Amino acid sequence: MIWAVFGAITAALAVLLWLRSRVVYVKISGRSMEPTFEHGDSVVARRVRTSRLRTGDVVVVDGPRATVDQIGRGLPSRTPIVAREPLSAPPPATGPNWVIKRVAAMPGEPVPQAVAGVVTSGPVVPPGFLVVLGDNSENSIDSRQHGMFPLGKVLAKVVRTVPR
């Protein structure tokens, strides 16, 4: 009897570990993907080979860290922050910096006009890179500021929105 319970628990843990290696649950923070996703929405993303990505897919990317003057730009509150004391740089970030963006161009495709001034590699996206943009261009930190992202930074493709 005890071995049956132990076996069932072991099997359940194995399934959970397998799922975790394939599926990612992400909670949206910020307004960069409005109106597609709103602050507080949750999505399920599946890890896929980058060769299966297409322009228009929404992906989870290991993004760059925001600079001090970018902090607050994508936050849901439109209330200006008034500092009573001089602001300093935020503490070093720990953990992943996952961002959700839409693929605007894949390797070999023309560089979108929105990032042409930032990208200096030529008229097409080079191998090993992609261009990602937020749907809400006024509140998104993406390829318009950071240029092309390495394909290796793509963690998963969004496949489903989780109902609230």
Protein backbone atom coordinates (compact mmCIF):
# COMPACT_ATOMS: atom_id res chain seq x y z
CA MET A 1 0.00 0.00 0.00
CA ILE A 2 2.73 2.47 0.97
CA TRP A 3 4.58 1.73 -2.27
CA ALA A 4 1.47 2.48 -4.32
CA VAL A 5 1.10 5.88 -2.65
CA PHE A 6 4.81 6.58 -3.05
CA GLY A 7 4.61 5.59 -6.73
CA ALA A 8 1.59 7.85 -7.32
CA ILE A 9 3.33 10.81 -5.67
CA THR A 10 6.50 10.19 -7.66
CA ALA A 11 4.51 9.99 -10.91
CA ALA A 12 2.65 13.21 -10.09
CA LEU A 13 5.92 15.02 -9.36
CA ALA A 14 7.40 13.74 -12.62
CA VAL A 15 4.40 15.05 -14.57
CA LEU A 16 4.65 18.44 -12.84
CA LEU A 17 8.36 18.71 -13.62
CA TRP A 18 7.72 17.75 -17.24
CA LEU A 19 4.96 20.37 -17.52
CA ARG A 20 7.18 23.02 -15.95
CA SER A 21 9.83 22.33 -18.56
CA ARG A 22 7.27 22.90 -21.35
CA VAL A 23 4.80 25.47 -20.02
CA VAL A 24 5.26 28.86 -18.35
CA TYR A 25 2.61 30.84 -16.46
CA VAL A 26 3.16 34.60 -16.61
CA LYS A 27 1.27 37.45 -14.96
CA ILE A 28 1.22 40.66 -17.02
CA SER A 29 2.67 43.71 -15.29
CA GLY A 30 2.39 47.04 -17.10
CA ARG A 31 0.57 48.45 -20.11
CA SER A 32 2.96 47.69 -22.95
CA MET A 33 0.69 45.09 -24.58
CA GLU A 34 -2.66 46.89 -24.26
CA PRO A 35 -5.26 46.36 -25.63
CA THR A 36 -4.27 42.71 -26.24
CA PHE A 37 -3.35 42.14 -22.59
CA GLU A 38 -4.07 44.38 -19.62
CA HIS A 39 -2.13 44.85 -16.40
CA GLY A 40 -2.98 41.92 -14.13
CA ASP A 41 -3.90 39.47 -16.92
CA SER A 42 -2.27 36.05 -16.85
CA VAL A 43 -1.13 33.97 -19.80
CA VAL A 44 0.12 30.48 -20.45
CA ALA A 45 3.12 30.20 -22.74
CA ARG A 46 4.60 27.07 -24.26
CA ARG A 47 8.30 26.64 -24.85
CA VAL A 48 8.86 26.21 -28.60
CA ARG A 49 11.77 26.01 -30.98
CA THR A 50 12.57 29.42 -32.39
CA SER A 51 12.23 27.96 -35.89
CA ARG A 52 8.48 27.64 -35.18
CA LEU A 53 8.03 31.33 -34.38
CA ARG A 54 6.32 33.61 -36.89
CA THR A 55 5.84 37.33 -37.23
CA GLY A 56 2.79 38.29 -35.18
CA ASP A 57 3.33 35.69 -32.46
CA VAL A 58 3.31 36.95 -28.88
CA VAL A 59 6.36 35.72 -26.99
CA VAL A 60 7.91 35.75 -23.54
CA VAL A 61 11.41 37.20 -23.82
CA ASP A 62 14.19 37.51 -21.28
CA GLY A 63 14.33 41.28 -21.65
CA PRO A 64 16.87 43.93 -20.79
CA ARG A 65 16.71 45.70 -17.44
CA ALA A 66 14.98 49.09 -17.48
CA THR A 67 17.13 52.14 -16.90
CA VAL A 68 16.29 54.63 -14.16
CA ASP A 69 14.55 57.03 -16.60
CA GLN A 70 12.45 54.18 -18.05
CA ILE A 71 11.10 53.04 -14.68
CA GLY A 72 7.43 53.81 -14.36
CA ARG A 73 6.88 54.21 -18.09
CA GLY A 74 4.90 51.01 -18.47
CA LEU A 75 3.19 51.04 -15.09
CA PRO A 76 -0.61 50.98 -14.92
CA SER A 77 -0.97 54.19 -12.94
CA ARG A 78 -1.07 57.43 -14.89
CA THR A 79 -0.41 59.44 -11.74
CA PRO A 80 2.95 61.19 -11.89
CA ILE A 81 5.43 60.20 -9.23
CA VAL A 82 6.67 63.12 -7.15
CA ALA A 83 9.91 62.46 -5.33
CA ARG A 84 10.34 64.02 -1.90
CA GLU A 85 13.99 63.01 -1.98
CA PRO A 86 16.37 62.55 -4.90
CA LEU A 87 15.81 59.27 -6.69
CA SER A 88 18.63 56.78 -6.88
CA ALA A 89 19.09 53.73 -9.02
CA PRO A 90 16.95 50.76 -8.04
CA PRO A 91 18.63 47.90 -6.20
CA PRO A 92 20.16 45.22 -8.40
CA ALA A 93 17.44 43.08 -9.92
CA THR A 94 17.13 39.49 -8.90
CA GLY A 95 15.27 36.82 -10.78
CA PRO A 96 14.11 36.82 -14.37
CA ASN A 97 13.12 39.94 -16.30
CA TRP A 98 10.52 38.36 -18.54
CA VAL A 99 8.65 40.66 -20.90
CA ILE A 100 5.79 39.87 -23.24
CA LYS A 101 6.05 41.35 -26.73
CA ARG A 102 4.84 40.69 -30.26
CA VAL A 103 7.30 39.45 -32.88
CA ALA A 104 7.53 42.22 -35.49
CA ALA A 105 10.19 40.65 -37.71
CA MET A 106 12.08 37.36 -37.91
CA PRO A 107 15.52 36.67 -39.44
CA GLY A 108 15.56 37.49 -43.15
CA GLU A 109 12.50 39.76 -42.96
CA PRO A 110 12.63 43.52 -43.53
CA VAL A 111 13.44 45.64 -40.47
CA PRO A 112 10.22 47.44 -39.42
CA GLN A 113 10.21 51.20 -39.92
CA ALA A 114 9.58 51.71 -36.18
CA VAL A 115 13.07 50.43 -35.33
CA ALA A 116 14.99 51.48 -38.44
CA GLY A 117 16.71 54.32 -36.56
CA VAL A 118 17.89 52.02 -33.77
CA VAL A 119 19.06 49.12 -35.91
CA THR A 120 22.21 49.55 -37.97
CA SER A 121 22.61 46.03 -39.34
CA GLY A 122 20.98 46.73 -42.69
CA PRO A 123 17.51 46.48 -44.23
CA VAL A 124 16.79 42.91 -43.08
CA VAL A 125 16.91 41.18 -39.71
CA PRO A 126 20.14 39.15 -39.53
CA PRO A 127 20.25 35.44 -38.63
CA GLY A 128 19.94 34.76 -34.91
CA PHE A 129 17.90 37.89 -34.10
CA LEU A 130 14.33 39.13 -34.08
CA VAL A 131 12.48 42.41 -33.60
CA VAL A 132 9.87 42.58 -30.82
CA LEU A 133 7.40 45.41 -30.17
CA GLY A 134 4.73 46.09 -27.59
CA ASP A 135 1.22 46.66 -28.91
CA ASN A 136 1.00 49.93 -26.94
CA SER A 137 3.92 51.81 -28.49
CA GLU A 138 3.65 54.78 -26.12
CA ASN A 139 4.16 52.57 -23.06
CA SER A 140 6.49 49.86 -24.28
CA ILE A 141 10.20 49.31 -23.84
CA ASP A 142 11.15 47.05 -26.74
CA SER A 143 13.24 46.93 -29.93
CA ARG A 144 12.60 50.65 -30.47
CA GLN A 145 14.91 51.32 -27.53
CA HIS A 146 17.06 48.18 -27.34
CA GLY A 147 17.41 47.09 -30.96
CA MET A 148 17.15 43.48 -32.02
CA PHE A 149 16.87 40.68 -29.49
CA PRO A 150 18.85 37.44 -29.84
CA LEU A 151 16.60 34.48 -30.67
CA GLY A 152 18.12 32.73 -27.65
CA LYS A 153 16.33 35.24 -25.38
CA VAL A 154 12.90 33.91 -26.43
CA LEU A 155 11.61 31.67 -23.65
CA ALA A 156 8.13 30.73 -24.87
CA LYS A 157 5.19 31.55 -27.14
CA VAL A 158 1.94 32.73 -25.56
CA VAL A 159 -0.79 30.21 -26.32
CA ARG A 160 -3.65 31.12 -24.00
CA THR A 161 -5.03 33.82 -21.75
CA VAL A 162 -6.05 32.65 -18.28
CA PRO A 163 -9.53 33.96 -17.37
CA ARG A 164 -9.62 36.27 -14.36
